[in-house]
Protein backbone atom coordinates (compact mmCIF):
# COMPACT_ATOMS: atom_id res chain seq x y z
CA MET A 1 13.71 106.95 67.27
CA LYS A 2 11.79 107.70 70.45
CA ILE A 3 12.45 105.20 73.22
CA GLU A 4 9.65 104.50 75.67
CA ARG A 5 10.58 103.25 79.14
CA ARG A 6 9.52 99.67 79.60
CA PRO A 7 7.46 99.11 82.73
CA THR A 8 8.87 96.57 85.16
CA THR A 9 5.56 94.80 85.70
CA THR A 10 2.38 95.30 83.67
CA PRO A 11 0.03 93.14 81.63
CA ASP A 12 1.69 94.68 78.54
CA ARG A 13 5.19 93.61 79.52
CA ARG A 14 5.51 91.09 76.66
CA GLU A 15 4.56 93.79 74.19
CA ALA A 16 7.05 96.19 75.78
CA ASP A 17 9.80 93.54 75.57
CA ALA A 18 8.95 92.87 71.92
CA LEU A 19 9.14 96.60 71.23
CA LEU A 20 12.53 96.85 72.94
CA LEU A 21 13.82 93.94 70.83
CA ALA A 22 12.50 95.58 67.65
CA GLN A 23 14.17 98.84 68.65
CA THR A 24 17.45 96.96 69.13
CA ARG A 25 17.21 95.54 65.60
CA SER A 26 16.37 98.94 64.14
CA LEU A 27 19.06 100.81 66.05
CA LEU A 28 21.86 98.40 65.08
CA ASP A 29 20.71 97.68 61.52
CA GLY A 30 23.52 98.24 59.05
CA GLU A 31 26.07 99.53 61.55
CA ARG A 32 29.18 97.34 61.82
CA ASP A 33 31.28 99.32 64.29
CA TRP A 34 31.17 97.23 67.45
CA LEU A 35 32.11 100.07 69.82
CA ALA A 36 29.40 102.36 68.46
CA ASN A 37 26.89 99.50 68.70
CA LEU A 38 27.80 98.68 72.30
CA SER A 39 27.45 102.35 73.20
CA GLN A 40 24.07 102.61 71.49
CA PHE A 41 22.93 99.35 73.10
CA THR A 42 23.68 100.60 76.62
CA ALA A 43 21.87 103.87 75.94
CA LEU A 44 18.85 101.95 74.59
CA VAL A 45 18.69 99.71 77.65
CA ASP A 46 19.13 102.64 80.03
CA GLU A 47 16.33 104.56 78.32
CA GLY A 48 14.09 101.57 77.63
CA MET A 49 14.08 99.83 81.00
CA ALA A 50 12.68 101.33 84.17
CA ASP A 51 14.33 101.52 87.58
CA LEU A 52 18.00 101.22 86.59
CA ASN A 53 20.93 103.15 88.00
CA TRP A 54 23.63 101.50 85.85
CA ALA A 55 23.81 99.53 82.61
CA GLY A 56 26.95 98.58 80.76
CA PHE A 57 29.55 96.20 79.49
CA TYR A 58 32.62 94.73 81.09
CA MET A 59 34.91 93.38 78.38
CA ALA A 60 36.66 90.02 78.90
CA ARG A 61 40.45 90.43 78.92
CA ASP A 62 42.37 87.33 79.98
CA ARG A 63 41.09 86.53 83.51
CA GLU A 64 39.57 89.92 84.26
CA LEU A 65 36.76 92.18 83.10
CA VAL A 66 37.56 95.71 81.95
CA LEU A 67 34.99 98.50 81.89
CA GLY A 68 33.40 99.13 78.49
CA PRO A 69 30.56 101.36 77.27
CA PHE A 70 28.05 102.14 80.01
CA GLN A 71 25.36 104.51 81.25
CA GLY A 72 25.42 105.57 84.89
CA ARG A 73 27.77 106.71 87.59
CA VAL A 74 31.52 106.20 87.62
CA ALA A 75 32.21 102.46 87.90
CA CYS A 76 34.85 99.94 88.86
CA VAL A 77 37.35 99.69 85.99
CA ARG A 78 38.68 96.15 86.48
CA ILE A 79 36.99 93.12 88.00
CA PRO A 80 38.80 89.77 88.39
CA PHE A 81 36.84 86.71 87.28
CA ASP A 82 36.86 85.45 90.87
CA ARG A 83 35.14 88.53 92.36
CA GLY A 84 31.61 89.84 92.51
CA VAL A 85 28.49 89.17 90.48
CA CYS A 86 30.17 90.08 87.18
CA GLY A 87 33.05 87.75 87.94
CA ALA A 88 30.62 84.93 88.77
CA CYS A 89 28.90 85.48 85.43
CA ALA A 90 32.21 85.49 83.57
CA THR A 91 33.41 82.32 85.32
CA THR A 92 30.20 80.32 84.93
CA ARG A 93 28.94 81.97 81.73
CA ALA A 94 25.52 81.82 83.33
CA VAL A 95 23.04 84.63 83.89
CA GLN A 96 23.21 86.00 87.42
CA ILE A 97 20.00 87.40 88.93
CA VAL A 98 20.74 88.83 92.37
CA PRO A 99 17.70 90.21 94.25
CA ASP A 100 19.84 91.66 97.07
CA VAL A 101 23.46 92.43 96.25
CA HIS A 102 24.30 92.88 99.93
CA ALA A 103 23.56 89.18 100.47
CA PHE A 104 25.84 88.09 97.59
CA PRO A 105 29.21 86.82 98.91
CA GLY A 106 32.04 88.93 97.51
CA HIS A 107 29.77 91.60 96.00
CA ILE A 108 31.76 94.59 94.75
CA ALA A 109 30.00 97.81 95.73
CA CYS A 110 30.85 100.24 92.93
CA ASP A 111 27.69 102.24 93.76
CA SER A 112 26.28 102.01 97.27
CA ALA A 113 22.81 102.88 95.90
CA SER A 114 22.58 99.56 94.02
CA ARG A 115 20.34 96.96 95.64
CA SER A 116 19.84 94.34 92.92
CA GLU A 117 21.79 93.21 89.88
CA LEU A 118 21.40 91.27 86.65
CA VAL A 119 24.48 90.16 84.71
CA LEU A 120 24.44 88.29 81.40
CA PRO A 121 27.34 86.65 79.59
CA VAL A 122 28.05 87.82 76.04
CA VAL A 123 29.41 84.81 74.15
CA ARG A 124 30.15 84.22 70.48
CA GLU A 125 31.29 80.86 69.12
CA GLY A 126 32.07 79.63 72.62
CA ARG A 127 34.26 82.65 73.48
CA LEU A 128 33.34 85.03 76.31
CA LEU A 129 33.44 88.55 74.85
CA ALA A 130 32.00 90.47 77.79
CA VAL A 131 29.34 90.56 80.44
CA PHE A 132 26.41 92.96 80.37
CA ASP A 133 25.66 94.33 83.83
CA LEU A 134 22.52 96.08 85.10
CA ASP A 135 22.06 97.55 88.55
CA SER A 136 18.92 98.87 90.22
CA PRO A 137 18.36 100.86 93.39
CA SER A 138 15.37 98.58 94.12
CA GLU A 139 15.70 95.21 95.81
CA GLY A 140 14.34 92.33 93.71
CA ARG A 141 14.10 94.44 90.53
CA PHE A 142 15.19 91.76 88.03
CA ASP A 143 13.59 88.46 87.03
CA GLU A 144 13.73 85.73 84.39
CA ALA A 145 11.63 87.79 81.97
CA ASP A 146 14.22 90.60 82.12
CA ALA A 147 16.98 88.08 81.48
CA ALA A 148 15.14 86.54 78.52
CA CYS A 149 14.48 89.92 76.93
CA LEU A 150 18.10 91.00 77.33
CA GLU A 151 19.43 87.66 76.05
CA ALA A 152 17.42 88.17 72.86
CA MET A 153 18.67 91.74 72.54
CA LEU A 154 22.28 90.67 73.12
CA ALA A 155 21.93 87.97 70.44
CA VAL A 156 21.01 90.71 67.93
CA LEU A 157 23.98 92.76 69.10
CA VAL A 158 26.51 89.94 68.83
CA ASP A 159 25.22 88.73 65.46
CA GLY A 160 25.33 92.13 63.82
CA THR A 161 28.16 94.15 65.30
CA GLY A 162 31.36 93.00 63.69
CA TRP A 163 32.66 92.43 67.23
CA PRO A 164 36.34 91.46 67.07
């Protein structure tokens, strides 16, 4: 499967998002190993979305997040629920769109090149499984359309992975 990078802003963005969702379904179809699927998912997002410098999972373990499959530079391994953008997402279970990470109180700078961040909760049957974190070197990179596309992709992932 050839993955085309999705433009950040074009008139064809809806089509590009639909293609990325279809690629998610195709990539995960029939595979039940959750770790393989999370790894494939991060690679798909990294290849399919423009202007990223990190994409990956932090797995929920008690009251902290532990690094999971990712694409990008070396990252923070453990993040308490009360710290940073990922912690805010884990605590509130709400999508976090941060146009300028340097203006976010308590931001954890794992990569000084990151300027904006998008973090989505991964929840199944009311239980927080993980957060999915994306970083960009561009300020203001992420918006509601990005969040909606990724929420739909994550729903496919959670429904079909055999996640424990």
